[in-house]
């Protein structure tokens, strides 16, 4: 008989792992290892999808939705405030988030 899965515990662990991966992605992006940072963001997204966990709000604006690059202002993204909304432009692919 297979073991019973504890969904709440799985989701808590998944959130912890997502947090760790985003810390690693930030560290690598600052050291200009964009490919490694992109890989960590991709792994975090996959964990979120697999365990049906929403991406925490603190992490949602930290990566590009189209190329999955970890965004560091002035390093690989441009941040502008215009007409009451924030505009973040990824310099890797040119995608715009508002």
PDB file of N, CA and C in Angstrom:
ATOM      1  N   UNK A   1       0.847  -1.184   0.000  1.00  0.00           N
ATOM      2  CA  UNK A   1       0.000   0.000   0.000  1.00  0.00           C
ATOM      3  C   UNK A   1       0.895   1.251   0.000  1.00  0.00           C
ATOM      4  N   UNK A   2       0.680   2.159  -0.969  1.00  0.00           N
ATOM      5  CA  UNK A   2       1.534   3.340  -1.060  1.00  0.00           C
ATOM      6  C   UNK A   2       1.302   4.314   0.098  1.00  0.00           C
ATOM      7  N   UNK A   3       2.341   5.106   0.387  1.00  0.00           N
ATOM      8  CA  UNK A   3       2.221   6.093   1.443  1.00  0.00           C
ATOM      9  C   UNK A   3       1.286   7.214   1.023  1.00  0.00           C
ATOM     10  N   UNK A   4       0.612   7.780   1.981  1.00  0.00           N
ATOM     11  CA  UNK A   4      -0.309   8.875   1.718  1.00  0.00           C
ATOM     12  C   UNK A   4       0.472  10.184   1.601  1.00  0.00           C
ATOM     13  N   UNK A   5       0.146  10.989   0.606  1.00  0.00           N
ATOM     14  CA  UNK A   5       0.849  12.255   0.392  1.00  0.00           C
ATOM     15  C   UNK A   5       0.223  13.346   1.254  1.00  0.00           C
ATOM     16  N   UNK A   6       1.048  14.145   1.843  1.00  0.00           N
ATOM     17  CA  UNK A   6       0.586  15.267   2.649  1.00  0.00           C
ATOM     18  C   UNK A   6       0.759  16.547   1.835  1.00  0.00           C
ATOM     19  N   UNK A   7      -0.334  16.991   1.217  1.00  0.00           N
ATOM     20  CA  UNK A   7      -0.285  18.118   0.289  1.00  0.00           C
ATOM     21  C   UNK A   7       0.237  19.395   0.951  1.00  0.00           C
ATOM     22  N   UNK A   8      -0.248  19.697   2.159  1.00  0.00           N
ATOM     23  CA  UNK A   8       0.176  20.920   2.829  1.00  0.00           C
ATOM     24  C   UNK A   8       1.665  20.941   3.086  1.00  0.00           C
ATOM     25  N   UNK A   9       2.196  19.809   3.500  1.00  0.00           N
ATOM     26  CA  UNK A   9       3.624  19.714   3.775  1.00  0.00           C
ATOM     27  C   UNK A   9       4.427  19.823   2.473  1.00  0.00           C
ATOM     28  N   UNK A  10       3.940  19.199   1.410  1.00  0.00           N
ATOM     29  CA  UNK A  10       4.615  19.284   0.111  1.00  0.00           C
ATOM     30  C   UNK A  10       4.675  20.731  -0.370  1.00  0.00           C
ATOM     31  N   UNK A  11       3.579  21.456  -0.227  1.00  0.00           N
ATOM     32  CA  UNK A  11       3.525  22.840  -0.691  1.00  0.00           C
ATOM     33  C   UNK A  11       4.437  23.737   0.132  1.00  0.00           C
ATOM     34  N   UNK A  12       4.518  23.491   1.434  1.00  0.00           N
ATOM     35  CA  UNK A  12       5.401  24.277   2.293  1.00  0.00           C
ATOM     36  C   UNK A  12       6.858  24.073   1.883  1.00  0.00           C
ATOM     37  N   UNK A  13       7.223  22.822   1.641  1.00  0.00           N
ATOM     38  CA  UNK A  13       8.590  22.511   1.203  1.00  0.00           C
ATOM     39  C   UNK A  13       8.863  23.140  -0.161  1.00  0.00           C
ATOM     40  N   UNK A  14       7.871  23.102  -1.053  1.00  0.00           N
ATOM     41  CA  UNK A  14       8.027  23.690  -2.382  1.00  0.00           C
ATOM     42  C   UNK A  14       8.280  25.201  -2.273  1.00  0.00           C
ATOM     43  N   UNK A  15       7.548  25.891  -1.387  1.00  0.00           N
ATOM     44  CA  UNK A  15       7.755  27.326  -1.200  1.00  0.00           C
ATOM     45  C   UNK A  15       9.156  27.621  -0.665  1.00  0.00           C
ATOM     46  N   UNK A  16       9.623  26.786   0.254  1.00  0.00           N
ATOM     47  CA  UNK A  16      10.981  26.956   0.778  1.00  0.00           C
ATOM     48  C   UNK A  16      12.013  26.802  -0.335  1.00  0.00           C
ATOM     49  N   UNK A  17      11.820  25.797  -1.175  1.00  0.00           N
ATOM     50  CA  UNK A  17      12.767  25.556  -2.266  1.00  0.00           C
ATOM     51  C   UNK A  17      12.745  26.688  -3.285  1.00  0.00           C
ATOM     52  N   UNK A  18      11.561  27.230  -3.556  1.00  0.00           N
ATOM     53  CA  UNK A  18      11.445  28.363  -4.473  1.00  0.00           C
ATOM     54  C   UNK A  18      12.223  29.553  -3.916  1.00  0.00           C
ATOM     55  N   UNK A  19      12.091  29.805  -2.625  1.00  0.00           N
ATOM     56  CA  UNK A  19      12.821  30.899  -1.989  1.00  0.00           C
ATOM     57  C   UNK A  19      14.324  30.716  -2.090  1.00  0.00           C
ATOM     58  N   UNK A  20      14.793  29.493  -1.850  1.00  0.00           N
ATOM     59  CA  UNK A  20      16.227  29.201  -1.933  1.00  0.00           C
ATOM     60  C   UNK A  20      16.727  29.401  -3.363  1.00  0.00           C
ATOM     61  N   UNK A  21      15.962  28.919  -4.340  1.00  0.00           N
ATOM     62  CA  UNK A  21      16.376  29.057  -5.737  1.00  0.00           C
ATOM     63  C   UNK A  21      16.429  30.522  -6.171  1.00  0.00           C
ATOM     64  N   UNK A  22      15.502  31.352  -5.678  1.00  0.00           N
ATOM     65  CA  UNK A  22      15.543  32.760  -6.035  1.00  0.00           C
ATOM     66  C   UNK A  22      16.724  33.469  -5.381  1.00  0.00           C
ATOM     67  N   UNK A  23      17.107  33.055  -4.167  1.00  0.00           N
ATOM     68  CA  UNK A  23      18.309  33.616  -3.547  1.00  0.00           C
ATOM     69  C   UNK A  23      19.547  33.269  -4.377  1.00  0.00           C
ATOM     70  N   UNK A  24      19.624  32.015  -4.821  1.00  0.00           N
ATOM     71  CA  UNK A  24      20.749  31.596  -5.656  1.00  0.00           C
ATOM     72  C   UNK A  24      20.760  32.340  -6.991  1.00  0.00           C
ATOM     73  N   UNK A  25      19.564  32.533  -7.578  1.00  0.00           N
ATOM     74  CA  UNK A  25      19.476  33.249  -8.852  1.00  0.00           C
ATOM     75  C   UNK A  25      19.944  34.692  -8.694  1.00  0.00           C
ATOM     76  N   UNK A  26      19.573  35.312  -7.583  1.00  0.00           N
ATOM     77  CA  UNK A  26      20.006  36.694  -7.353  1.00  0.00           C
ATOM     78  C   UNK A  26      21.529  36.770  -7.229  1.00  0.00           C
ATOM     79  N   UNK A  27      22.100  35.849  -6.476  1.00  0.00           N
ATOM     80  CA  UNK A  27      23.548  35.819  -6.286  1.00  0.00           C
ATOM     81  C   UNK A  27      24.272  35.653  -7.632  1.00  0.00           C
ATOM     82  N   UNK A  28      23.760  34.757  -8.458  1.00  0.00           N
ATOM     83  CA  UNK A  28      24.402  34.498  -9.755  1.00  0.00           C
ATOM     84  C   UNK A  28      24.204  35.657 -10.726  1.00  0.00           C
ATOM     85  N   UNK A  29      23.030  36.296 -10.692  1.00  0.00           N
ATOM     86  CA  UNK A  29      22.774  37.416 -11.595  1.00  0.00           C
ATOM     87  C   UNK A  29      23.684  38.596 -11.262  1.00  0.00           C
ATOM     88  N   UNK A  30      23.938  38.824  -9.980  1.00  0.00           N
ATOM     89  CA  UNK A  30      24.819  39.916  -9.580  1.00  0.00           C
ATOM     90  C   UNK A  30      26.254  39.635 -10.031  1.00  0.00           C
ATOM     91  N   UNK A  31      26.641  38.351 -10.014  1.00  0.00           N
ATOM     92  CA  UNK A  31      27.974  37.975 -10.468  1.00  0.00           C
ATOM     93  C   UNK A  31      28.053  37.822 -11.988  1.00  0.00           C
ATOM     94  N   UNK A  32      26.973  38.189 -12.675  1.00  0.00           N
ATOM     95  CA  UNK A  32      26.870  38.181 -14.140  1.00  0.00           C
ATOM     96  C   UNK A  32      26.948  36.789 -14.767  1.00  0.00           C
ATOM     97  N   UNK A  33      26.364  35.818 -14.070  1.00  0.00           N
ATOM     98  CA  UNK A  33      26.201  34.472 -14.631  1.00  0.00           C
ATOM     99  C   UNK A  33      24.721  34.333 -15.007  1.00  0.00           C
ATOM    100  N   UNK A  34      24.349  34.954 -16.117  1.00  0.00           N
ATOM    101  CA  UNK A  34      22.941  35.032 -16.503  1.00  0.00           C
ATOM    102  C   UNK A  34      22.344  33.662 -16.795  1.00  0.00           C
ATOM    103  N   UNK A  35      23.098  32.772 -17.418  1.00  0.00           N
ATOM    104  CA  UNK A  35      22.554  31.455 -17.761  1.00  0.00           C
ATOM    105  C   UNK A  35      22.225  30.645 -16.511  1.00  0.00           C
ATOM    106  N   UNK A  36      23.099  30.715 -15.522  1.00  0.00           N
ATOM    107  CA  UNK A  36      22.862  29.983 -14.277  1.00  0.00           C
ATOM    108  C   UNK A  36      21.662  30.566 -13.528  1.00  0.00           C
ATOM    109  N   UNK A  37      21.554  31.895 -13.503  1.00  0.00           N
ATOM    110  CA  UNK A  37      20.426  32.551 -12.842  1.00  0.00           C
ATOM    111  C   UNK A  37      19.118  32.184 -13.542  1.00  0.00           C
ATOM    112  N   UNK A  38      19.140  32.152 -14.879  1.00  0.00           N
ATOM    113  CA  UNK A  38      17.951  31.774 -15.642  1.00  0.00           C
ATOM    114  C   UNK A  38      17.534  30.335 -15.332  1.00  0.00           C
ATOM    115  N   UNK A  39      18.508  29.457 -15.168  1.00  0.00           N
ATOM    116  CA  UNK A  39      18.226  28.051 -14.843  1.00  0.00           C
ATOM    117  C   UNK A  39      17.556  27.934 -13.475  1.00  0.00           C
ATOM    118  N   UNK A  40      18.044  28.699 -12.491  1.00  0.00           N
ATOM    119  CA  UNK A  40      17.445  28.663 -11.157  1.00  0.00           C
ATOM    120  C   UNK A  40      16.010  29.171 -11.184  1.00  0.00           C
ATOM    121  N   UNK A  41      15.750  30.238 -11.950  1.00  0.00           N
ATOM    122  CA  UNK A  41      14.387  30.760 -12.058  1.00  0.00           C
ATOM    123  C   UNK A  41      13.490  29.724 -12.724  1.00  0.00           C
ATOM    124  N   UNK A  42      13.995  29.067 -13.762  1.00  0.00           N
ATOM    125  CA  UNK A  42      13.217  28.046 -14.454  1.00  0.00           C
ATOM    126  C   UNK A  42      12.887  26.874 -13.520  1.00  0.00           C
ATOM    127  N   UNK A  43      13.853  26.453 -12.719  1.00  0.00           N
ATOM    128  CA  UNK A  43      13.603  25.371 -11.760  1.00  0.00           C
ATOM    129  C   UNK A  43      12.555  25.778 -10.722  1.00  0.00           C
ATOM    130  N   UNK A  44      12.636  27.024 -10.243  1.00  0.00           N
ATOM    131  CA  UNK A  44      11.659  27.510  -9.267  1.00  0.00           C
ATOM    132  C   UNK A  44      10.253  27.516  -9.864  1.00  0.00           C
ATOM    133  N   UNK A  45      10.138  27.953 -11.116  1.00  0.00           N
ATOM    134  CA  UNK A  45       8.824  27.956 -11.780  1.00  0.00           C
ATOM    135  C   UNK A  45       8.279  26.535 -11.932  1.00  0.00           C
ATOM    136  N   UNK A  46       9.150  25.600 -12.295  1.00  0.00           N
ATOM    137  CA  UNK A  46       8.709  24.219 -12.472  1.00  0.00           C
ATOM    138  C   UNK A  46       8.238  23.606 -11.151  1.00  0.00           C
ATOM    139  N   UNK A  47       8.942  23.907 -10.072  1.00  0.00           N
ATOM    140  CA  UNK A  47       8.524  23.408  -8.760  1.00  0.00           C
ATOM    141  C   UNK A  47       7.151  23.972  -8.422  1.00  0.00           C
ATOM    142  N   UNK A  48       6.955  25.264  -8.691  1.00  0.00           N
ATOM    143  CA  UNK A  48       5.660  25.884  -8.430  1.00  0.00           C
ATOM    144  C   UNK A  48       4.536  25.246  -9.222  1.00  0.00           C
ATOM    145  N   UNK A  49       4.807  24.941 -10.483  1.00  0.00           N
ATOM    146  CA  UNK A  49       3.776  24.322 -11.321  1.00  0.00           C
ATOM    147  C   UNK A  49       3.506  22.882 -10.898  1.00  0.00           C
ATOM    148  N   UNK A  50       4.549  22.156 -10.536  1.00  0.00           N
ATOM    149  CA  UNK A  50       4.376  20.754 -10.177  1.00  0.00           C
ATOM    150  C   UNK A  50       3.556  20.585  -8.906  1.00  0.00           C
ATOM    151  N   UNK A  51       3.795  21.438  -7.911  1.00  0.00           N
ATOM    152  CA  UNK A  51       3.101  21.308  -6.637  1.00  0.00           C
ATOM    153  C   UNK A  51       1.949  22.292  -6.489  1.00  0.00           C
ATOM    154  N   UNK A  52       1.572  22.943  -7.591  1.00  0.00           N
ATOM    155  CA  UNK A  52       0.438  23.860  -7.627  1.00  0.00           C
ATOM    156  C   UNK A  52       0.567  24.949  -6.564  1.00  0.00           C
ATOM    157  N   UNK A  53       1.733  25.596  -6.554  1.00  0.00           N
ATOM    158  CA  UNK A  53       2.020  26.659  -5.604  1.00  0.00           C
ATOM    159  C   UNK A  53       2.143  27.953  -6.381  1.00  0.00           C
ATOM    160  N   UNK A  54       1.445  28.984  -5.923  1.00  0.00           N
ATOM    161  CA  UNK A  54       1.565  30.286  -6.575  1.00  0.00           C
ATOM    162  C   UNK A  54       2.936  30.873  -6.294  1.00  0.00           C
ATOM    163  N   UNK A  55       3.448  31.587  -7.271  1.00  0.00           N
ATOM    164  CA  UNK A  55       4.715  32.279  -7.090  1.00  0.00           C
ATOM    165  C   UNK A  55       4.481  33.405  -6.083  1.00  0.00           C
ATOM    166  N   UNK A  56       5.266  33.483  -5.017  1.00  0.00           N
ATOM    167  CA  UNK A  56       5.085  34.559  -4.038  1.00  0.00           C
ATOM    168  C   UNK A  56       5.194  35.935  -4.696  1.00  0.00           C
ATOM    169  N   UNK A  57       4.424  36.881  -4.189  1.00  0.00           N
ATOM    170  CA  UNK A  57       4.364  38.220  -4.784  1.00  0.00           C
ATOM    171  C   UNK A  57       5.730  38.895  -4.815  1.00  0.00           C
ATOM    172  N   UNK A  58       6.567  38.600  -3.847  1.00  0.00           N
ATOM    173  CA  UNK A  58       7.893  39.212  -3.803  1.00  0.00           C
ATOM    174  C   UNK A  58       8.755  38.775  -4.985  1.00  0.00           C
ATOM    175  N   UNK A  59       8.489  37.596  -5.544  1.00  0.00           N
ATOM    176  CA  UNK A  59       9.299  37.068  -6.637  1.00  0.00           C
ATOM    177  C   UNK A  59       8.710  37.335  -8.014  1.00  0.00           C
ATOM    178  N   UNK A  60       7.444  37.722  -8.082  1.00  0.00           N
ATOM    179  CA  UNK A  60       6.777  37.841  -9.374  1.00  0.00           C
ATOM    180  C   UNK A  60       7.420  38.856 -10.307  1.00  0.00           C
ATOM    181  N   UNK A  61       7.887  39.957  -9.765  1.00  0.00           N
ATOM    182  CA  UNK A  61       8.481  41.000 -10.614  1.00  0.00           C
ATOM    183  C   UNK A  61       9.987  40.855 -10.739  1.00  0.00           C
ATOM    184  N   UNK A  62      10.556  39.814 -10.191  1.00  0.00           N
ATOM    185  CA  UNK A  62      12.004  39.658 -10.220  1.00  0.00           C
ATOM    186  C   UNK A  62      12.501  38.848 -11.408  1.00  0.00           C
ATOM    187  N   UNK A  63      11.601  38.341 -12.227  1.00  0.00           N
ATOM    188  CA  UNK A  63      12.054  37.622 -13.417  1.00  0.00           C
ATOM    189  C   UNK A  63      11.204  37.989 -14.617  1.00  0.00           C
ATOM    190  N   UNK A  64      11.809  37.862 -15.804  1.00  0.00           N
ATOM    191  CA  UNK A  64      11.124  38.165 -17.053  1.00  0.00           C
ATOM    192  C   UNK A  64      10.170  37.027 -17.391  1.00  0.00           C
ATOM    193  N   UNK A  65       8.947  37.358 -17.744  1.00  0.00           N
ATOM    194  CA  UNK A  65       7.942  36.336 -18.035  1.00  0.00           C
ATOM    195  C   UNK A  65       8.188  35.643 -19.373  1.00  0.00           C
ATOM    196  N   UNK A  66       8.955  36.276 -20.274  1.00  0.00           N
ATOM    197  CA  UNK A  66       9.146  35.662 -21.582  1.00  0.00           C
ATOM    198  C   UNK A  66      10.451  34.881 -21.699  1.00  0.00           C
ATOM    199  N   UNK A  67      11.563  35.405 -21.137  1.00  0.00           N
ATOM    200  CA  UNK A  67      12.836  34.683 -21.289  1.00  0.00           C
ATOM    201  C   UNK A  67      13.341  34.101 -19.971  1.00  0.00           C
ATOM    202  N   UNK A  68      12.612  34.313 -18.878  1.00  0.00           N
ATOM    203  CA  UNK A  68      12.917  33.759 -17.548  1.00  0.00           C
ATOM    204  C   UNK A  68      14.246  34.243 -16.982  1.00  0.00           C
ATOM    205  N   UNK A  69      14.713  35.407 -17.398  1.00  0.00           N
ATOM    206  CA  UNK A  69      15.946  35.977 -16.848  1.00  0.00           C
ATOM    207  C   UNK A  69      15.638  36.610 -15.497  1.00  0.00           C
ATOM    208  N   UNK A  70      16.560  36.469 -14.545  1.00  0.00           N
ATOM    209  CA  UNK A  70      16.408  37.125 -13.254  1.00  0.00           C
ATOM    210  C   UNK A  70      16.744  38.594 -13.459  1.00  0.00           C
ATOM    211  N   UNK A  71      15.824  39.487 -13.116  1.00  0.00           N
ATOM    212  CA  UNK A  71      15.982  40.900 -13.406  1.00  0.00           C
ATOM    213  C   UNK A  71      16.627  41.646 -12.242  1.00  0.00           C
ATOM    214  N   UNK A  72      17.740  42.304 -12.535  1.00  0.00           N
ATOM    215  CA  UNK A  72      18.415  43.171 -11.576  1.00  0.00           C
ATOM    216  C   UNK A  72      18.398  44.568 -12.182  1.00  0.00           C
ATOM    217  N   UNK A  73      17.724  45.525 -11.532  1.00  0.00           N
ATOM    218  CA  UNK A  73      17.647  46.867 -12.101  1.00  0.00           C
ATOM    219  C   UNK A  73      19.029  47.448 -12.383  1.00  0.00           C
ATOM    220  N   UNK A  74      19.155  48.083 -13.520  1.00  0.00           N
ATOM    221  CA  UNK A  74      20.352  48.722 -14.061  1.00  0.00           C
ATOM    222  C   UNK A  74      21.406  47.738 -14.538  1.00  0.00           C
ATOM    223  N   UNK A  75      21.246  46.458 -14.248  1.00  0.00           N
ATOM    224  CA  UNK A  75      22.196  45.454 -14.730  1.00  0.00           C
ATOM    225  C   UNK A  75      21.662  44.790 -15.997  1.00  0.00           C
ATOM    226  N   UNK A  76      20.427  44.304 -15.928  1.00  0.00           N
ATOM    227  CA  UNK A  76      19.831  43.686 -17.106  1.00  0.00           C
ATOM    228  C   UNK A  76      18.347  44.055 -17.274  1.00  0.00           C
ATOM    229  N   UNK A  77      17.924  45.125 -16.593  1.00  0.00           N
ATOM    230  CA  UNK A  77      16.547  45.594 -16.775  1.00  0.00           C
ATOM    231  C   UNK A  77      16.495  47.103 -16.582  1.00  0.00           C
ATOM    232  N   UNK A  78      15.461  47.695 -17.150  1.00  0.00           N
ATOM    233  CA  UNK A  78      15.250  49.131 -17.031  1.00  0.00           C
ATOM    234  C   UNK A  78      13.924  49.343 -16.323  1.00  0.00           C
ATOM    235  N   UNK A  79      13.924  50.159 -15.290  1.00  0.00           N
ATOM    236  CA  UNK A  79      12.717  50.419 -14.505  1.00  0.00           C
ATOM    237  C   UNK A  79      12.346  51.882 -14.664  1.00  0.00           C
ATOM    238  N   UNK A  80      11.109  52.137 -15.081  1.00  0.00           N
ATOM    239  CA  UNK A  80      10.617  53.502 -15.249  1.00  0.00           C
ATOM    240  C   UNK A  80       9.262  53.639 -14.561  1.00  0.00           C
ATOM    241  N   UNK A  81       9.004  54.824 -14.048  1.00  0.00           N
ATOM    242  CA  UNK A  81       7.700  55.137 -13.475  1.00  0.00           C
ATOM    243  C   UNK A  81       7.063  56.171 -14.371  1.00  0.00           C
ATOM    244  N   UNK A  82       5.903  55.829 -14.881  1.00  0.00           N
ATOM    245  CA  UNK A  82       5.243  56.760 -15.791  1.00  0.00           C
ATOM    246  C   UNK A  82       3.741  56.695 -15.664  1.00  0.00           C
ATOM    247  N   UNK A  83       3.132  57.850 -15.461  1.00  0.00           N
ATOM    248  CA  UNK A  83       1.671  57.967 -15.377  1.00  0.00           C
ATOM    249  C   UNK A  83       1.067  57.025 -14.335  1.00  0.00           C
ATOM    250  N   UNK A  84       1.732  56.899 -13.232  1.00  0.00           N
ATOM    251  CA  UNK A  84       1.169  56.139 -12.120  1.00  0.00           C
ATOM    252  C   UNK A  84       1.380  54.640 -12.180  1.00  0.00           C
ATOM    253  N   UNK A  85       2.160  54.135 -13.122  1.00  0.00           N
ATOM    254  CA  UNK A  85       2.430  52.699 -13.141  1.00  0.00           C
ATOM    255  C   UNK A  85       3.912  52.441 -13.396  1.00  0.00           C
ATOM    256  N   UNK A  86       4.355  51.281 -12.968  1.00  0.00           N
ATOM    257  CA  UNK A  86       5.751  50.883 -13.075  1.00  0.00           C
ATOM    258  C   UNK A  86       5.947  50.108 -14.370  1.00  0.00           C
ATOM    259  N   UNK A  87       6.982  50.448 -15.127  1.00  0.00           N
ATOM    260  CA  UNK A  87       7.287  49.769 -16.382  1.00  0.00           C
ATOM    261  C   UNK A  87       8.675  49.153 -16.254  1.00  0.00           C
ATOM    262  N   UNK A  88       8.757  47.823 -16.338  1.00  0.00           N
ATOM    263  CA  UNK A  88      10.032  47.111 -16.251  1.00  0.00           C
ATOM    264  C   UNK A  88      10.316  46.510 -17.617  1.00  0.00           C
ATOM    265  N   UNK A  89      11.466  46.848 -18.197  1.00  0.00           N
ATOM    266  CA  UNK A  89      11.848  46.354 -19.501  1.00  0.00           C
ATOM    267  C   UNK A  89      13.059  45.450 -19.348  1.00  0.00           C
ATOM    268  N   UNK A  90      12.963  44.233 -19.871  1.00  0.00           N
ATOM    269  CA  UNK A  90      14.070  43.285 -19.859  1.00  0.00           C
ATOM    270  C   UNK A  90      15.002  43.655 -21.004  1.00  0.00           C
ATOM    271  N   UNK A  91      16.279  43.870 -20.699  1.00  0.00           N
ATOM    272  CA  UNK A  91      17.212  44.234 -21.762  1.00  0.00           C
ATOM    273  C   UNK A  91      17.713  43.005 -22.521  1.00  0.00           C
ATOM    274  N   UNK A  92      17.458  41.801 -21.998  1.00  0.00           N
ATOM    275  CA  UNK A  92      17.881  40.587 -22.698  1.00  0.00           C
ATOM    276  C   UNK A  92      16.972  40.302 -23.893  1.00  0.00           C
ATOM    277  N   UNK A  93      15.656  40.420 -23.689  1.00  0.00           N
ATOM    278  CA  UNK A  93      14.739  40.075 -24.771  1.00  0.00           C
ATOM    279  C   UNK A  93      13.859  41.262 -25.202  1.00  0.00           C
ATOM    280  N   UNK A  94      13.827  42.321 -24.424  1.00  0.00           N
ATOM    281  CA  UNK A  94      13.026  43.493 -24.770  1.00  0.00           C
ATOM    282  C   UNK A  94      11.584  43.436 -24.324  1.00  0.00           C
ATOM    283  N   UNK A  95      11.213  42.426 -23.560  1.00  0.00           N
ATOM    284  CA  UNK A  95       9.836  42.310 -23.078  1.00  0.00           C
ATOM    285  C   UNK A  95       9.542  43.391 -22.046  1.00  0.00           C
ATOM    286  N   UNK A  96       8.293  43.859 -22.042  1.00  0.00           N
ATOM    287  CA  UNK A  96       7.882  44.940 -21.138  1.00  0.00           C
ATOM    288  C   UNK A  96       6.833  44.401 -20.178  1.00  0.00           C
ATOM    289  N   UNK A  97       7.014  44.690 -18.889  1.00  0.00           N
ATOM    290  CA  UNK A  97       6.027  44.351 -17.862  1.00  0.00           C
ATOM    291  C   UNK A  97       5.524  45.641 -17.252  1.00  0.00           C
ATOM    292  N   UNK A  98       4.223  45.737 -17.043  1.00  0.00           N
ATOM    293  CA  UNK A  98       3.656  46.957 -16.435  1.00  0.00           C
ATOM    294  C   UNK A  98       2.989  46.596 -15.136  1.00  0.00           C
TER     295      UNK A  98
END
